[in-house]
Amino acid sequence: MKLLNRFELLPSRPWAGRIGFVVLFLVKALAVVQPSHASTPQPLVSAEAQKRILVDPGAPILGSAKADVTVVEYFDYNCPFCKTLAPAFHPFIEKDRESAVLYKEWPIFGGVSTYAAQSALAAGFQGKYLLAHDALISAPRLAENSQVDSVLANAGIDLTRLKADLIARRASIDRLLARNDLEARGLGLHGTPGILVGRRVVSGISDLRSLQSAVALARHPGADR
């Protein structure tokens, strides 16, 4: 797991003051203990907290719109563990039609990771967020902003429009990244990938099998007793 460094946005639009009042609520509502390993039952987040995480997430959901279990991943495009886990999500959804996956951009590496997250969200205004996400998470380590642009262009993203949306939609993009950061910290996450399965934070998910096991446990919580 990538341990948490300093979360940073590009500096021209500070957001902490505008949403400071949300911090206390989220920390109290979402806080759970970060799991030490996947087999240890972890406290459930409240139903209200889960609802706040899922409502108007700012990115499309992969899978069922009426899922009985939603997997939320807080990730960074330069996190090697996120890249290892990424190929499991599409087969998981193909095999489990009652579930959904929600990607939450959490660029804790800063720098190029932040630019990649902002660019993926900007691609969403073209209706291509998931396309951008899959292209970036599948790419080699992103060392330069120009590499992000190249990956997205090769995936079919209109870079001219993306650049315009990065400027015009900057405030909403930064607010979403700030919200994701607050949620992740409120959940007690210490690095990426941070996984919420249903209402439980789960660590140790690294492949399709462990993902399916965590979802099965969320559906039948008595199985962990």
C-alpha atoms as a PDB file:
ATOM      1  CA  MET A   1       0.000   0.000   0.000  1.00  0.00           C
ATOM      2  CA  LYS A   2       1.235   3.474  -0.827  1.00  0.00           C
ATOM      3  CA  LEU A   3       1.523   5.363   2.460  1.00  0.00           C
ATOM      4  CA  LEU A   4      -0.031   8.772   2.633  1.00  0.00           C
ATOM      5  CA  ASN A   5       2.171  11.665   1.671  1.00  0.00           C
ATOM      6  CA  ARG A   6       0.946  15.252   1.348  1.00  0.00           C
ATOM      7  CA  PHE A   7      -2.216  15.700  -0.683  1.00  0.00           C
ATOM      8  CA  GLU A   8      -1.790  18.712  -2.941  1.00  0.00           C
ATOM      9  CA  LEU A   9      -3.845  20.476  -5.553  1.00  0.00           C
ATOM     10  CA  LEU A  10      -2.478  22.997  -7.974  1.00  0.00           C
ATOM     11  CA  PRO A  11      -2.117  26.107  -5.823  1.00  0.00           C
ATOM     12  CA  SER A  12      -4.168  28.707  -7.604  1.00  0.00           C
ATOM     13  CA  ARG A  13      -7.505  27.777  -6.013  1.00  0.00           C
ATOM     14  CA  PRO A  14      -7.318  27.100  -2.265  1.00  0.00           C
ATOM     15  CA  TRP A  15     -10.371  25.275  -1.005  1.00  0.00           C
ATOM     16  CA  ALA A  16      -9.784  24.472   2.628  1.00  0.00           C
ATOM     17  CA  GLY A  17     -11.398  27.633   3.966  1.00  0.00           C
ATOM     18  CA  ARG A  18     -14.562  27.208   1.931  1.00  0.00           C
ATOM     19  CA  ILE A  19     -15.242  23.701   3.149  1.00  0.00           C
ATOM     20  CA  GLY A  20     -13.666  23.687   6.560  1.00  0.00           C
ATOM     21  CA  PHE A  21     -17.021  23.252   8.240  1.00  0.00           C
ATOM     22  CA  VAL A  22     -17.425  19.923   6.437  1.00  0.00           C
ATOM     23  CA  VAL A  23     -14.276  18.471   7.968  1.00  0.00           C
ATOM     24  CA  LEU A  24     -15.644  18.010  11.473  1.00  0.00           C
ATOM     25  CA  PHE A  25     -18.828  16.376  10.188  1.00  0.00           C
ATOM     26  CA  LEU A  26     -17.055  13.951   7.913  1.00  0.00           C
ATOM     27  CA  VAL A  27     -14.414  12.994  10.418  1.00  0.00           C
ATOM     28  CA  LYS A  28     -17.105  12.213  12.999  1.00  0.00           C
ATOM     29  CA  ALA A  29     -19.467  10.552  10.538  1.00  0.00           C
ATOM     30  CA  LEU A  30     -16.975   8.497   8.585  1.00  0.00           C
ATOM     31  CA  ALA A  31     -14.164   7.687  10.965  1.00  0.00           C
ATOM     32  CA  VAL A  32     -13.344   4.010  11.316  1.00  0.00           C
ATOM     33  CA  VAL A  33     -10.159   2.185  12.180  1.00  0.00           C
ATOM     34  CA  GLN A  34      -7.901   1.411   9.212  1.00  0.00           C
ATOM     35  CA  PRO A  35      -7.797  -2.382   8.966  1.00  0.00           C
ATOM     36  CA  SER A  36      -4.529  -4.187   9.617  1.00  0.00           C
ATOM     37  CA  HIS A  37      -5.453  -7.143   7.416  1.00  0.00           C
ATOM     38  CA  ALA A  38      -8.398  -8.287   5.366  1.00  0.00           C
ATOM     39  CA  SER A  39      -9.519 -11.103   7.652  1.00  0.00           C
ATOM     40  CA  THR A  40     -10.163  -8.854  10.657  1.00  0.00           C
ATOM     41  CA  PRO A  41     -13.772  -7.578  10.851  1.00  0.00           C
ATOM     42  CA  GLN A  42     -13.782  -3.790  10.791  1.00  0.00           C
ATOM     43  CA  PRO A  43     -16.363  -1.322  12.110  1.00  0.00           C
ATOM     44  CA  LEU A  44     -19.129  -0.396   9.712  1.00  0.00           C
ATOM     45  CA  VAL A  45     -19.529   3.186   8.598  1.00  0.00           C
ATOM     46  CA  SER A  46     -23.007   4.513   9.210  1.00  0.00           C
ATOM     47  CA  ALA A  47     -25.683   4.235   6.545  1.00  0.00           C
ATOM     48  CA  GLU A  48     -25.796   8.033   6.445  1.00  0.00           C
ATOM     49  CA  ALA A  49     -22.050   8.259   5.877  1.00  0.00           C
ATOM     50  CA  GLN A  50     -22.214   5.686   3.087  1.00  0.00           C
ATOM     51  CA  LYS A  51     -25.034   7.611   1.448  1.00  0.00           C
ATOM     52  CA  ARG A  52     -22.983  10.812   1.509  1.00  0.00           C
ATOM     53  CA  ILE A  53     -20.062   9.016  -0.110  1.00  0.00           C
ATOM     54  CA  LEU A  54     -22.229   7.617  -2.907  1.00  0.00           C
ATOM     55  CA  VAL A  55     -24.503  10.583  -3.654  1.00  0.00           C
ATOM     56  CA  ASP A  56     -23.478  12.814  -6.561  1.00  0.00           C
ATOM     57  CA  PRO A  57     -19.958  11.321  -6.664  1.00  0.00           C
ATOM     58  CA  GLY A  58     -18.826  13.434  -9.626  1.00  0.00           C
ATOM     59  CA  ALA A  59     -17.880  10.372 -11.668  1.00  0.00           C
ATOM     60  CA  PRO A  60     -19.925   7.614 -13.317  1.00  0.00           C
ATOM     61  CA  ILE A  61     -20.391   4.291 -11.569  1.00  0.00           C
ATOM     62  CA  LEU A  62     -19.131   1.105 -13.185  1.00  0.00           C
ATOM     63  CA  GLY A  63     -21.779  -1.605 -12.993  1.00  0.00           C
ATOM     64  CA  SER A  64     -25.337  -1.658 -11.731  1.00  0.00           C
ATOM     65  CA  ALA A  65     -27.178   1.577 -10.983  1.00  0.00           C
ATOM     66  CA  LYS A  66     -29.171  -0.380  -8.382  1.00  0.00           C
ATOM     67  CA  ALA A  67     -26.314  -2.320  -6.848  1.00  0.00           C
ATOM     68  CA  ASP A  68     -26.800  -4.158  -3.584  1.00  0.00           C
ATOM     69  CA  VAL A  69     -23.081  -3.721  -2.852  1.00  0.00           C
ATOM     70  CA  THR A  70     -20.951  -0.841  -4.100  1.00  0.00           C
ATOM     71  CA  VAL A  71     -17.172  -0.997  -3.962  1.00  0.00           C
ATOM     72  CA  VAL A  72     -15.553   2.428  -3.575  1.00  0.00           C
ATOM     73  CA  GLU A  73     -11.852   2.721  -4.409  1.00  0.00           C
ATOM     74  CA  TYR A  74      -9.753   5.712  -3.342  1.00  0.00           C
ATOM     75  CA  PHE A  75      -6.752   5.562  -5.641  1.00  0.00           C
ATOM     76  CA  ASP A  76      -3.773   7.321  -7.192  1.00  0.00           C
ATOM     77  CA  TYR A  77      -2.723   6.757 -10.809  1.00  0.00           C
ATOM     78  CA  ASN A  78       0.919   6.355  -9.749  1.00  0.00           C
ATOM     79  CA  CYS A  79       0.192   3.876  -6.973  1.00  0.00           C
ATOM     80  CA  PRO A  80       1.663   0.512  -8.078  1.00  0.00           C
ATOM     81  CA  PHE A  81      -0.804  -1.413  -5.909  1.00  0.00           C
ATOM     82  CA  CYS A  82      -3.714   0.432  -7.527  1.00  0.00           C
ATOM     83  CA  LYS A  83      -2.342  -0.519 -10.926  1.00  0.00           C
ATOM     84  CA  THR A  84      -2.087  -4.154  -9.837  1.00  0.00           C
ATOM     85  CA  LEU A  85      -5.691  -4.199  -8.610  1.00  0.00           C
ATOM     86  CA  ALA A  86      -7.178  -2.277 -11.554  1.00  0.00           C
ATOM     87  CA  PRO A  87      -7.533  -5.240 -13.971  1.00  0.00           C
ATOM     88  CA  ALA A  88      -9.839  -6.984 -11.488  1.00  0.00           C
ATOM     89  CA  PHE A  89     -12.676  -4.468 -11.603  1.00  0.00           C
ATOM     90  CA  HIS A  90     -14.102  -5.048 -15.084  1.00  0.00           C
ATOM     91  CA  PRO A  91     -14.147  -8.874 -14.776  1.00  0.00           C
ATOM     92  CA  PHE A  92     -15.680  -8.467 -11.331  1.00  0.00           C
ATOM     93  CA  ILE A  93     -18.549  -6.383 -12.735  1.00  0.00           C
ATOM     94  CA  GLU A  94     -19.001  -8.767 -15.667  1.00  0.00           C
ATOM     95  CA  LYS A  95     -19.375 -11.692 -13.277  1.00  0.00           C
ATOM     96  CA  ASP A  96     -21.427  -9.878 -10.626  1.00  0.00           C
ATOM     97  CA  ARG A  97     -24.277  -7.947 -12.205  1.00  0.00           C
ATOM     98  CA  GLU A  98     -25.726  -6.870  -8.863  1.00  0.00           C
ATOM     99  CA  SER A  99     -22.675  -4.869  -7.802  1.00  0.00           C
ATOM    100  CA  ALA A 100     -21.019  -1.594  -8.732  1.00  0.00           C
ATOM    101  CA  VAL A 101     -17.610   0.075  -8.516  1.00  0.00           C
ATOM    102  CA  LEU A 102     -17.058   3.765  -7.843  1.00  0.00           C
ATOM    103  CA  TYR A 103     -13.612   5.231  -8.436  1.00  0.00           C
ATOM    104  CA  LYS A 104     -12.634   8.128  -6.150  1.00  0.00           C
ATOM    105  CA  GLU A 105      -9.640  10.147  -7.326  1.00  0.00           C
ATOM    106  CA  TRP A 106      -7.241  10.552  -4.383  1.00  0.00           C
ATOM    107  CA  PRO A 107      -3.875  11.745  -5.773  1.00  0.00           C
ATOM    108  CA  ILE A 108      -1.775  11.447  -2.629  1.00  0.00           C
ATOM    109  CA  PHE A 109       1.489  11.390  -4.592  1.00  0.00           C
ATOM    110  CA  GLY A 110       0.813  14.992  -5.660  1.00  0.00           C
ATOM    111  CA  GLY A 111       2.438  16.526  -8.715  1.00  0.00           C
ATOM    112  CA  VAL A 112       1.711  14.567 -11.872  1.00  0.00           C
ATOM    113  CA  SER A 113      -0.771  12.377  -9.989  1.00  0.00           C
ATOM    114  CA  THR A 114      -2.824  15.466  -9.201  1.00  0.00           C
ATOM    115  CA  TYR A 115      -2.720  16.599 -12.824  1.00  0.00           C
ATOM    116  CA  ALA A 116      -3.778  13.113 -13.950  1.00  0.00           C
ATOM    117  CA  ALA A 117      -6.720  13.129 -11.527  1.00  0.00           C
ATOM    118  CA  GLN A 118      -7.808  16.589 -12.632  1.00  0.00           C
ATOM    119  CA  SER A 119      -7.502  15.571 -16.291  1.00  0.00           C
ATOM    120  CA  ALA A 120      -9.542  12.393 -15.832  1.00  0.00           C
ATOM    121  CA  LEU A 121     -12.303  14.363 -14.128  1.00  0.00           C
ATOM    122  CA  ALA A 122     -12.162  16.969 -16.894  1.00  0.00           C
ATOM    123  CA  ALA A 123     -12.602  14.164 -19.433  1.00  0.00           C
ATOM    124  CA  GLY A 124     -15.863  13.428 -17.676  1.00  0.00           C
ATOM    125  CA  PHE A 125     -17.314  16.589 -19.199  1.00  0.00           C
ATOM    126  CA  GLN A 126     -16.865  14.822 -22.556  1.00  0.00           C
ATOM    127  CA  GLY A 127     -18.628  11.751 -21.167  1.00  0.00           C
ATOM    128  CA  LYS A 128     -15.302   9.897 -21.146  1.00  0.00           C
ATOM    129  CA  TYR A 129     -14.274   9.652 -17.501  1.00  0.00           C
ATOM    130  CA  LEU A 130     -14.148   5.854 -17.389  1.00  0.00           C
ATOM    131  CA  LEU A 131     -12.205   5.773 -20.644  1.00  0.00           C
ATOM    132  CA  ALA A 132      -9.693   8.257 -19.240  1.00  0.00           C
ATOM    133  CA  HIS A 133      -9.468   6.371 -15.946  1.00  0.00           C
ATOM    134  CA  ASP A 134      -8.778   3.036 -17.596  1.00  0.00           C
ATOM    135  CA  ALA A 135      -6.153   4.529 -19.895  1.00  0.00           C
ATOM    136  CA  LEU A 136      -4.272   6.282 -17.091  1.00  0.00           C
ATOM    137  CA  ILE A 137      -4.403   3.438 -14.564  1.00  0.00           C
ATOM    138  CA  SER A 138      -3.116   1.048 -17.246  1.00  0.00           C
ATOM    139  CA  ALA A 139      -0.245   3.319 -18.255  1.00  0.00           C
ATOM    140  CA  PRO A 140       3.326   3.078 -16.963  1.00  0.00           C
ATOM    141  CA  ARG A 141       4.342   5.383 -14.141  1.00  0.00           C
ATOM    142  CA  LEU A 142       3.318   8.934 -15.016  1.00  0.00           C
ATOM    143  CA  ALA A 143       6.387  11.135 -14.628  1.00  0.00           C
ATOM    144  CA  GLU A 144       5.377  14.225 -16.635  1.00  0.00           C
ATOM    145  CA  ASN A 145       2.142  16.066 -17.365  1.00  0.00           C
ATOM    146  CA  SER A 146       2.883  15.644 -21.065  1.00  0.00           C
ATOM    147  CA  GLN A 147       2.768  11.880 -20.560  1.00  0.00           C
ATOM    148  CA  VAL A 148      -0.735  12.194 -19.122  1.00  0.00           C
ATOM    149  CA  ASP A 149      -1.786  14.215 -22.170  1.00  0.00           C
ATOM    150  CA  SER A 150      -0.305  11.627 -24.522  1.00  0.00           C
ATOM    151  CA  VAL A 151      -2.048   8.721 -22.816  1.00  0.00           C
ATOM    152  CA  LEU A 152      -5.392  10.506 -22.923  1.00  0.00           C
ATOM    153  CA  ALA A 153      -5.014  11.590 -26.537  1.00  0.00           C
ATOM    154  CA  ASN A 154      -4.193   8.014 -27.566  1.00  0.00           C
ATOM    155  CA  ALA A 155      -7.323   6.853 -25.738  1.00  0.00           C
ATOM    156  CA  GLY A 156      -9.514   9.151 -27.822  1.00  0.00           C
ATOM    157  CA  ILE A 157      -9.910  12.097 -25.436  1.00  0.00           C
ATOM    158  CA  ASP A 158     -10.269  15.509 -27.098  1.00  0.00           C
ATOM    159  CA  LEU A 159      -7.316  17.349 -25.539  1.00  0.00           C
ATOM    160  CA  THR A 160      -8.379  20.761 -26.784  1.00  0.00           C
ATOM    161  CA  ARG A 161     -11.700  20.449 -25.018  1.00  0.00           C
ATOM    162  CA  LEU A 162     -10.055  18.860 -21.975  1.00  0.00           C
ATOM    163  CA  LYS A 163      -7.681  21.804 -21.575  1.00  0.00           C
ATOM    164  CA  ALA A 164     -10.594  24.198 -21.834  1.00  0.00           C
ATOM    165  CA  ASP A 165     -12.569  22.238 -19.232  1.00  0.00           C
ATOM    166  CA  LEU A 166      -9.567  22.150 -16.899  1.00  0.00           C
ATOM    167  CA  ILE A 167      -9.774  25.933 -16.837  1.00  0.00           C
ATOM    168  CA  ALA A 168     -13.520  26.484 -16.991  1.00  0.00           C
ATOM    169  CA  ARG A 169     -14.399  23.666 -14.563  1.00  0.00           C
ATOM    170  CA  ARG A 170     -11.397  24.009 -12.303  1.00  0.00           C
ATOM    171  CA  ALA A 171     -13.341  25.023  -9.198  1.00  0.00           C
ATOM    172  CA  SER A 172     -15.712  22.045  -9.385  1.00  0.00           C
ATOM    173  CA  ILE A 173     -12.827  19.640 -10.079  1.00  0.00           C
ATOM    174  CA  ASP A 174     -10.863  20.942  -7.102  1.00  0.00           C
ATOM    175  CA  ARG A 175     -13.940  20.719  -4.866  1.00  0.00           C
ATOM    176  CA  LEU A 176     -14.420  17.082  -5.840  1.00  0.00           C
ATOM    177  CA  LEU A 177     -10.779  16.228  -5.121  1.00  0.00           C
ATOM    178  CA  ALA A 178     -11.063  17.996  -1.780  1.00  0.00           C
ATOM    179  CA  ARG A 179     -14.231  16.077  -0.974  1.00  0.00           C
ATOM    180  CA  ASN A 180     -12.552  12.764  -1.839  1.00  0.00           C
ATOM    181  CA  ASP A 181      -9.599  13.657   0.363  1.00  0.00           C
ATOM    182  CA  LEU A 182     -11.865  14.467   3.302  1.00  0.00           C
ATOM    183  CA  GLU A 183     -13.796  11.236   2.844  1.00  0.00           C
ATOM    184  CA  ALA A 184     -10.651   9.119   2.686  1.00  0.00           C
ATOM    185  CA  ARG A 185      -9.169  10.740   5.780  1.00  0.00           C
ATOM    186  CA  GLY A 186     -12.489  10.459   7.583  1.00  0.00           C
ATOM    187  CA  LEU A 187     -12.540   6.749   6.827  1.00  0.00           C
ATOM    188  CA  GLY A 188      -9.121   6.442   8.425  1.00  0.00           C
ATOM    189  CA  LEU A 189      -7.366   5.470   5.206  1.00  0.00           C
ATOM    190  CA  HIS A 190      -3.580   5.746   5.344  1.00  0.00           C
ATOM    191  CA  GLY A 191      -2.709   4.998   1.734  1.00  0.00           C
ATOM    192  CA  THR A 192      -3.853   3.731  -1.624  1.00  0.00           C
ATOM    193  CA  PRO A 193      -5.736   1.794  -2.644  1.00  0.00           C
ATOM    194  CA  GLY A 194      -8.312   2.481   0.023  1.00  0.00           C
ATOM    195  CA  ILE A 195     -11.331   0.213  -0.417  1.00  0.00           C
ATOM    196  CA  LEU A 196     -14.811   0.567   1.028  1.00  0.00           C
ATOM    197  CA  VAL A 197     -16.963  -2.504   0.341  1.00  0.00           C
ATOM    198  CA  GLY A 198     -20.547  -1.754   1.172  1.00  0.00           C
ATOM    199  CA  ARG A 199     -20.207  -0.090   4.572  1.00  0.00           C
ATOM    200  CA  ARG A 200     -16.904  -1.685   5.617  1.00  0.00           C
ATOM    201  CA  VAL A 201     -13.318  -0.578   4.962  1.00  0.00           C
ATOM    202  CA  VAL A 202     -11.349  -3.615   3.778  1.00  0.00           C
ATOM    203  CA  SER A 203      -7.607  -3.964   3.316  1.00  0.00           C
ATOM    204  CA  GLY A 204      -5.677  -6.696   1.566  1.00  0.00           C
ATOM    205  CA  ILE A 205      -7.732  -6.646  -1.649  1.00  0.00           C
ATOM    206  CA  SER A 206      -5.243  -7.192  -4.441  1.00  0.00           C
ATOM    207  CA  ASP A 207      -6.978  -9.292  -7.078  1.00  0.00           C
ATOM    208  CA  LEU A 208     -10.322 -10.527  -8.387  1.00  0.00           C
ATOM    209  CA  ARG A 209     -10.644 -13.353  -5.877  1.00  0.00           C
ATOM    210  CA  SER A 210     -10.093 -11.189  -2.809  1.00  0.00           C
ATOM    211  CA  LEU A 211     -12.453  -8.569  -4.229  1.00  0.00           C
ATOM    212  CA  GLN A 212     -15.191 -11.154  -4.737  1.00  0.00           C
ATOM    213  CA  SER A 213     -14.645 -12.511  -1.224  1.00  0.00           C
ATOM    214  CA  ALA A 214     -15.012  -9.058   0.314  1.00  0.00           C
ATOM    215  CA  VAL A 215     -18.237  -8.427  -1.591  1.00  0.00           C
ATOM    216  CA  ALA A 216     -19.625 -11.834  -0.609  1.00  0.00           C
ATOM    217  CA  LEU A 217     -18.908 -10.990   3.038  1.00  0.00           C
ATOM    218  CA  ALA A 218     -20.690  -7.638   2.632  1.00  0.00           C
ATOM    219  CA  ARG A 219     -23.769  -9.482   1.369  1.00  0.00           C
ATOM    220  CA  HIS A 220     -23.663 -12.055   4.167  1.00  0.00           C
ATOM    221  CA  PRO A 221     -22.091 -10.268   7.137  1.00  0.00           C
ATOM    222  CA  GLY A 222     -22.808 -13.161   9.477  1.00  0.00           C
ATOM    223  CA  ALA A 223     -20.100 -15.098   7.690  1.00  0.00           C
ATOM    224  CA  ASP A 224     -17.384 -13.124   9.478  1.00  0.00           C
ATOM    225  CA  ARG A 225     -18.525 -14.268  12.900  1.00  0.00           C
END
